[in-house]
PDB file of N, CA and C in Angstrom:
ATOM      1  N   MET A   1       0.813  -1.188   0.000  1.00  0.00           N
ATOM      2  CA  MET A   1       0.000   0.000   0.000  1.00  0.00           C
ATOM      3  C   MET A   1       0.863   1.262   0.000  1.00  0.00           C
ATOM      4  N   VAL A   2       1.962   1.210   0.709  1.00  0.00           N
ATOM      5  CA  VAL A   2       2.842   2.375   0.747  1.00  0.00           C
ATOM      6  C   VAL A   2       3.427   2.641  -0.635  1.00  0.00           C
ATOM      7  N   ILE A   3       3.705   1.580  -1.381  1.00  0.00           N
ATOM      8  CA  ILE A   3       4.232   1.750  -2.735  1.00  0.00           C
ATOM      9  C   ILE A   3       3.206   2.461  -3.609  1.00  0.00           C
ATOM     10  N   ILE A   4       1.929   2.086  -3.470  1.00  0.00           N
ATOM     11  CA  ILE A   4       0.869   2.770  -4.213  1.00  0.00           C
ATOM     12  C   ILE A   4       0.855   4.244  -3.855  1.00  0.00           C
ATOM     13  N   ALA A   5       0.943   4.544  -2.579  1.00  0.00           N
ATOM     14  CA  ALA A   5       0.879   5.936  -2.129  1.00  0.00           C
ATOM     15  C   ALA A   5       2.065   6.750  -2.637  1.00  0.00           C
ATOM     16  N   LEU A   6       3.225   6.161  -2.637  1.00  0.00           N
ATOM     17  CA  LEU A   6       4.418   6.917  -3.002  1.00  0.00           C
ATOM     18  C   LEU A   6       4.640   7.037  -4.506  1.00  0.00           C
ATOM     19  N   PHE A   7       4.400   5.965  -5.232  1.00  0.00           N
ATOM     20  CA  PHE A   7       4.774   5.954  -6.640  1.00  0.00           C
ATOM     21  C   PHE A   7       3.627   6.230  -7.605  1.00  0.00           C
ATOM     22  N   TYR A   8       2.400   6.128  -7.160  1.00  0.00           N
ATOM     23  CA  TYR A   8       1.267   6.363  -8.051  1.00  0.00           C
ATOM     24  C   TYR A   8       0.509   7.637  -7.692  1.00  0.00           C
ATOM     25  N   THR A   9       1.155   8.563  -7.041  1.00  0.00           N
ATOM     26  CA  THR A   9       0.564   9.845  -6.703  1.00  0.00           C
ATOM     27  C   THR A   9       1.091  10.893  -7.669  1.00  0.00           C
ATOM     28  N   ALA A  10       0.173  11.448  -8.448  1.00  0.00           N
ATOM     29  CA  ALA A  10       0.581  12.432  -9.453  1.00  0.00           C
ATOM     30  C   ALA A  10       0.765  13.813  -8.829  1.00  0.00           C
ATOM     31  N   ASP A  11      -0.218  14.248  -8.058  1.00  0.00           N
ATOM     32  CA  ASP A  11      -0.185  15.580  -7.467  1.00  0.00           C
ATOM     33  C   ASP A  11      -0.637  15.474  -6.023  1.00  0.00           C
ATOM     34  N   LEU A  12       0.195  15.859  -5.094  1.00  0.00           N
ATOM     35  CA  LEU A  12      -0.090  15.698  -3.678  1.00  0.00           C
ATOM     36  C   LEU A  12      -0.621  16.995  -3.078  1.00  0.00           C
ATOM     37  N   ASN A  13      -1.782  16.931  -2.433  1.00  0.00           N
ATOM     38  CA  ASN A  13      -2.365  18.066  -1.731  1.00  0.00           C
ATOM     39  C   ASN A  13      -2.064  17.882  -0.240  1.00  0.00           C
ATOM     40  N   VAL A  14      -1.130  18.654   0.262  1.00  0.00           N
ATOM     41  CA  VAL A  14      -0.649  18.490   1.632  1.00  0.00           C
ATOM     42  C   VAL A  14      -1.718  18.865   2.659  1.00  0.00           C
ATOM     43  N   MET A  15      -2.548  19.851   2.346  1.00  0.00           N
ATOM     44  CA  MET A  15      -3.604  20.257   3.292  1.00  0.00           C
ATOM     45  C   MET A  15      -4.619  19.125   3.483  1.00  0.00           C
ATOM     46  N   ALA A  16      -5.043  18.500   2.413  1.00  0.00           N
ATOM     47  CA  ALA A  16      -5.988  17.388   2.519  1.00  0.00           C
ATOM     48  C   ALA A  16      -5.343  16.203   3.225  1.00  0.00           C
ATOM     49  N   LEU A  17      -4.073  15.975   2.972  1.00  0.00           N
ATOM     50  CA  LEU A  17      -3.359  14.891   3.638  1.00  0.00           C
ATOM     51  C   LEU A  17      -3.245  15.156   5.141  1.00  0.00           C
ATOM     52  N   GLY A  18      -3.038  16.408   5.523  1.00  0.00           N
ATOM     53  CA  GLY A  18      -3.004  16.765   6.939  1.00  0.00           C
ATOM     54  C   GLY A  18      -4.360  16.555   7.600  1.00  0.00           C
ATOM     55  N   GLY A  19      -5.436  16.890   6.894  1.00  0.00           N
ATOM     56  CA  GLY A  19      -6.780  16.644   7.421  1.00  0.00           C
ATOM     57  C   GLY A  19      -7.045  15.162   7.601  1.00  0.00           C
ATOM     58  N   ALA A  20      -6.578  14.357   6.661  1.00  0.00           N
ATOM     59  CA  ALA A  20      -6.727  12.907   6.774  1.00  0.00           C
ATOM     60  C   ALA A  20      -5.938  12.374   7.971  1.00  0.00           C
ATOM     61  N   ALA A  21      -4.765  12.932   8.200  1.00  0.00           N
ATOM     62  CA  ALA A  21      -3.969  12.526   9.364  1.00  0.00           C
ATOM     63  C   ALA A  21      -4.676  12.892  10.663  1.00  0.00           C
ATOM     64  N   LEU A  22      -5.297  14.059  10.681  1.00  0.00           N
ATOM     65  CA  LEU A  22      -6.046  14.484  11.870  1.00  0.00           C
ATOM     66  C   LEU A  22      -7.220  13.549  12.144  1.00  0.00           C
ATOM     67  N   ILE A  23      -7.946  13.178  11.108  1.00  0.00           N
ATOM     68  CA  ILE A  23      -9.057  12.242  11.287  1.00  0.00           C
ATOM     69  C   ILE A  23      -8.551  10.888  11.772  1.00  0.00           C
ATOM     70  N   THR A  24      -7.400  10.463  11.281  1.00  0.00           N
ATOM     71  CA  THR A  24      -6.811   9.206  11.729  1.00  0.00           C
ATOM     72  C   THR A  24      -6.490   9.254  13.218  1.00  0.00           C
ATOM     73  N   VAL A  25      -5.977  10.378  13.688  1.00  0.00           N
ATOM     74  CA  VAL A  25      -5.679  10.545  15.119  1.00  0.00           C
ATOM     75  C   VAL A  25      -6.969  10.467  15.937  1.00  0.00           C
ATOM     76  N   VAL A  26      -8.037  11.091  15.455  1.00  0.00           N
ATOM     77  CA  VAL A  26      -9.324  11.045  16.163  1.00  0.00           C
ATOM     78  C   VAL A  26      -9.856   9.614  16.200  1.00  0.00           C
ATOM     79  N   LEU A  27      -9.737   8.882  15.095  1.00  0.00           N
ATOM     80  CA  LEU A  27     -10.182   7.492  15.070  1.00  0.00           C
ATOM     81  C   LEU A  27      -9.405   6.636  16.068  1.00  0.00           C
ATOM     82  N   VAL A  28      -8.111   6.850  16.137  1.00  0.00           N
ATOM     83  CA  VAL A  28      -7.289   6.102  17.100  1.00  0.00           C
ATOM     84  C   VAL A  28      -7.689   6.468  18.529  1.00  0.00           C
ATOM     85  N   ALA A  29      -8.015   7.728  18.768  1.00  0.00           N
ATOM     86  CA  ALA A  29      -8.421   8.161  20.110  1.00  0.00           C
ATOM     87  C   ALA A  29      -9.780   7.585  20.497  1.00  0.00           C
ATOM     88  N   LEU A  30     -10.640   7.317  19.533  1.00  0.00           N
ATOM     89  CA  LEU A  30     -11.953   6.744  19.832  1.00  0.00           C
ATOM     90  C   LEU A  30     -11.877   5.270  20.219  1.00  0.00           C
ATOM     91  N   ASN A  31     -10.867   4.566  19.758  1.00  0.00           N
ATOM     92  CA  ASN A  31     -10.780   3.130  20.015  1.00  0.00           C
ATOM     93  C   ASN A  31     -10.760   2.758  21.495  1.00  0.00           C
ATOM     94  N   PRO A  32      -9.965   3.399  22.342  1.00  0.00           N
ATOM     95  CA  PRO A  32      -9.970   3.006  23.759  1.00  0.00           C
ATOM     96  C   PRO A  32     -11.280   3.353  24.473  1.00  0.00           C
ATOM     97  N   LEU A  33     -12.064   4.246  23.915  1.00  0.00           N
ATOM     98  CA  LEU A  33     -13.318   4.630  24.556  1.00  0.00           C
ATOM     99  C   LEU A  33     -14.410   3.586  24.368  1.00  0.00           C
ATOM    100  N   ARG A  34     -14.165   2.622  23.517  1.00  0.00           N
ATOM    101  CA  ARG A  34     -15.097   1.523  23.256  1.00  0.00           C
ATOM    102  C   ARG A  34     -16.483   2.030  22.867  1.00  0.00           C
ATOM    103  N   ARG A  35     -16.527   2.984  21.970  1.00  0.00           N
ATOM    104  CA  ARG A  35     -17.797   3.501  21.471  1.00  0.00           C
ATOM    105  C   ARG A  35     -18.503   2.408  20.686  1.00  0.00           C
ATOM    106  N   GLU A  36     -19.769   2.184  20.995  1.00  0.00           N
ATOM    107  CA  GLU A  36     -20.518   1.145  20.310  1.00  0.00           C
ATOM    108  C   GLU A  36     -21.393   1.707  19.205  1.00  0.00           C
ATOM    109  N   ARG A  37     -21.482   3.012  19.116  1.00  0.00           N
ATOM    110  CA  ARG A  37     -22.281   3.628  18.066  1.00  0.00           C
ATOM    111  C   ARG A  37     -21.465   3.672  16.777  1.00  0.00           C
ATOM    112  N   LEU A  38     -22.128   3.373  15.691  1.00  0.00           N
ATOM    113  CA  LEU A  38     -21.459   3.320  14.408  1.00  0.00           C
ATOM    114  C   LEU A  38     -21.362   4.689  13.743  1.00  0.00           C
ATOM    115  N   ALA A  39     -22.221   5.609  14.123  1.00  0.00           N
ATOM    116  CA  ALA A  39     -22.299   6.915  13.455  1.00  0.00           C
ATOM    117  C   ALA A  39     -20.977   7.689  13.479  1.00  0.00           C
ATOM    118  N   PRO A  40     -20.280   7.807  14.613  1.00  0.00           N
ATOM    119  CA  PRO A  40     -19.012   8.561  14.592  1.00  0.00           C
ATOM    120  C   PRO A  40     -17.972   7.929  13.663  1.00  0.00           C
ATOM    121  N   TYR A  41     -17.879   6.606  13.675  1.00  0.00           N
ATOM    122  CA  TYR A  41     -16.916   5.928  12.816  1.00  0.00           C
ATOM    123  C   TYR A  41     -17.293   6.081  11.347  1.00  0.00           C
ATOM    124  N   SER A  42     -18.595   6.023  11.050  1.00  0.00           N
ATOM    125  CA  SER A  42     -19.042   6.178   9.664  1.00  0.00           C
ATOM    126  C   SER A  42     -18.750   7.585   9.150  1.00  0.00           C
ATOM    127  N   ALA A  43     -19.069   8.590   9.952  1.00  0.00           N
ATOM    128  CA  ALA A  43     -18.840   9.977   9.542  1.00  0.00           C
ATOM    129  C   ALA A  43     -17.347  10.257   9.375  1.00  0.00           C
ATOM    130  N   LEU A  44     -16.556   9.803  10.331  1.00  0.00           N
ATOM    131  CA  LEU A  44     -15.110  10.012  10.237  1.00  0.00           C
ATOM    132  C   LEU A  44     -14.514   9.219   9.079  1.00  0.00           C
ATOM    133  N   GLY A  45     -15.018   8.026   8.849  1.00  0.00           N
ATOM    134  CA  GLY A  45     -14.539   7.216   7.736  1.00  0.00           C
ATOM    135  C   GLY A  45     -14.834   7.860   6.393  1.00  0.00           C
ATOM    136  N   LEU A  46     -16.023   8.419   6.257  1.00  0.00           N
ATOM    137  CA  LEU A  46     -16.367   9.110   5.023  1.00  0.00           C
ATOM    138  C   LEU A  46     -15.481  10.349   4.829  1.00  0.00           C
ATOM    139  N   GLY A  47     -15.287  11.101   5.909  1.00  0.00           N
ATOM    140  CA  GLY A  47     -14.401  12.258   5.839  1.00  0.00           C
ATOM    141  C   GLY A  47     -12.979  11.867   5.492  1.00  0.00           C
ATOM    142  N   LEU A  48     -12.522  10.771   6.064  1.00  0.00           N
ATOM    143  CA  LEU A  48     -11.175  10.281   5.770  1.00  0.00           C
ATOM    144  C   LEU A  48     -11.054   9.907   4.301  1.00  0.00           C
ATOM    145  N   TRP A  49     -12.053   9.208   3.774  1.00  0.00           N
ATOM    146  CA  TRP A  49     -12.011   8.804   2.370  1.00  0.00           C
ATOM    147  C   TRP A  49     -11.967  10.021   1.448  1.00  0.00           C
ATOM    148  N   VAL A  50     -12.817  11.003   1.736  1.00  0.00           N
ATOM    149  CA  VAL A  50     -12.864  12.210   0.895  1.00  0.00           C
ATOM    150  C   VAL A  50     -11.529  12.947   0.934  1.00  0.00           C
ATOM    151  N   LEU A  51     -10.956  13.110   2.125  1.00  0.00           N
ATOM    152  CA  LEU A  51      -9.691  13.830   2.233  1.00  0.00           C
ATOM    153  C   LEU A  51      -8.535  13.078   1.581  1.00  0.00           C
ATOM    154  N   VAL A  52      -8.531  11.768   1.703  1.00  0.00           N
ATOM    155  CA  VAL A  52      -7.486  10.983   1.025  1.00  0.00           C
ATOM    156  C   VAL A  52      -7.662  11.105  -0.486  1.00  0.00           C
ATOM    157  N   PHE A  53      -8.903  11.086  -0.952  1.00  0.00           N
ATOM    158  CA  PHE A  53      -9.170  11.270  -2.379  1.00  0.00           C
ATOM    159  C   PHE A  53      -8.673  12.631  -2.852  1.00  0.00           C
ATOM    160  N   LEU A  54      -8.991  13.677  -2.081  1.00  0.00           N
ATOM    161  CA  LEU A  54      -8.578  15.029  -2.455  1.00  0.00           C
ATOM    162  C   LEU A  54      -7.068  15.223  -2.353  1.00  0.00           C
ATOM    163  N   SER A  55      -6.414  14.425  -1.514  1.00  0.00           N
ATOM    164  CA  SER A  55      -4.963  14.581  -1.354  1.00  0.00           C
ATOM    165  C   SER A  55      -4.200  14.071  -2.569  1.00  0.00           C
ATOM    166  N   GLY A  56      -4.817  13.215  -3.353  1.00  0.00           N
ATOM    167  CA  GLY A  56      -4.142  12.666  -4.520  1.00  0.00           C
ATOM    168  C   GLY A  56      -3.592  11.276  -4.295  1.00  0.00           C
ATOM    169  N   ILE A  57      -3.689  10.778  -3.090  1.00  0.00           N
ATOM    170  CA  ILE A  57      -3.226   9.430  -2.774  1.00  0.00           C
ATOM    171  C   ILE A  57      -4.370   8.461  -3.067  1.00  0.00           C
ATOM    172  N   HIS A  58      -4.040   7.254  -3.452  1.00  0.00           N
ATOM    173  CA  HIS A  58      -5.059   6.261  -3.784  1.00  0.00           C
ATOM    174  C   HIS A  58      -5.942   5.998  -2.563  1.00  0.00           C
ATOM    175  N   THR A  59      -7.256   5.981  -2.777  1.00  0.00           N
ATOM    176  CA  THR A  59      -8.216   5.869  -1.669  1.00  0.00           C
ATOM    177  C   THR A  59      -8.213   4.504  -0.994  1.00  0.00           C
ATOM    178  N   THR A  60      -7.520   3.540  -1.548  1.00  0.00           N
ATOM    179  CA  THR A  60      -7.395   2.244  -0.895  1.00  0.00           C
ATOM    180  C   THR A  60      -6.758   2.388   0.481  1.00  0.00           C
ATOM    181  N   LEU A  61      -5.879   3.357   0.626  1.00  0.00           N
ATOM    182  CA  LEU A  61      -5.215   3.572   1.910  1.00  0.00           C
ATOM    183  C   LEU A  61      -6.194   4.001   3.002  1.00  0.00           C
ATOM    184  N   ALA A  62      -7.254   4.719   2.633  1.00  0.00           N
ATOM    185  CA  ALA A  62      -8.263   5.090   3.618  1.00  0.00           C
ATOM    186  C   ALA A  62      -8.959   3.851   4.146  1.00  0.00           C
ATOM    187  N   GLY A  63      -9.210   2.886   3.275  1.00  0.00           N
ATOM    188  CA  GLY A  63      -9.816   1.640   3.710  1.00  0.00           C
ATOM    189  C   GLY A  63      -8.916   0.810   4.598  1.00  0.00           C
ATOM    190  N   VAL A  64      -7.626   0.930   4.399  1.00  0.00           N
ATOM    191  CA  VAL A  64      -6.673   0.206   5.243  1.00  0.00           C
ATOM    192  C   VAL A  64      -6.584   0.834   6.623  1.00  0.00           C
ATOM    193  N   VAL A  65      -6.649   2.157   6.685  1.00  0.00           N
ATOM    194  CA  VAL A  65      -6.522   2.867   7.958  1.00  0.00           C
ATOM    195  C   VAL A  65      -7.785   2.743   8.791  1.00  0.00           C
ATOM    196  N   LEU A  66      -8.949   2.733   8.162  1.00  0.00           N
ATOM    197  CA  LEU A  66     -10.209   2.811   8.885  1.00  0.00           C
ATOM    198  C   LEU A  66     -10.490   1.651   9.834  1.00  0.00           C
ATOM    199  N   PRO A  67     -10.298   0.391   9.468  1.00  0.00           N
ATOM    200  CA  PRO A  67     -10.667  -0.661  10.428  1.00  0.00           C
ATOM    201  C   PRO A  67      -9.827  -0.561  11.647  1.00  0.00           C
TER     202      PRO A  67
END
């Protein structure tokens, strides 16, 4: 997956990538809280996918990070 991100990225949007990193940090912070509601994970997952898409990196990486 890292090879896809590094070698198949034509144009990198650093701001969108930073937003995706921020969402990833929030997702990691939610894990120890044992939230049983799906809505926060769904909303954050959708936001993560959109930001990874806008960053120029292949969106497969968002699917790898989300679970």
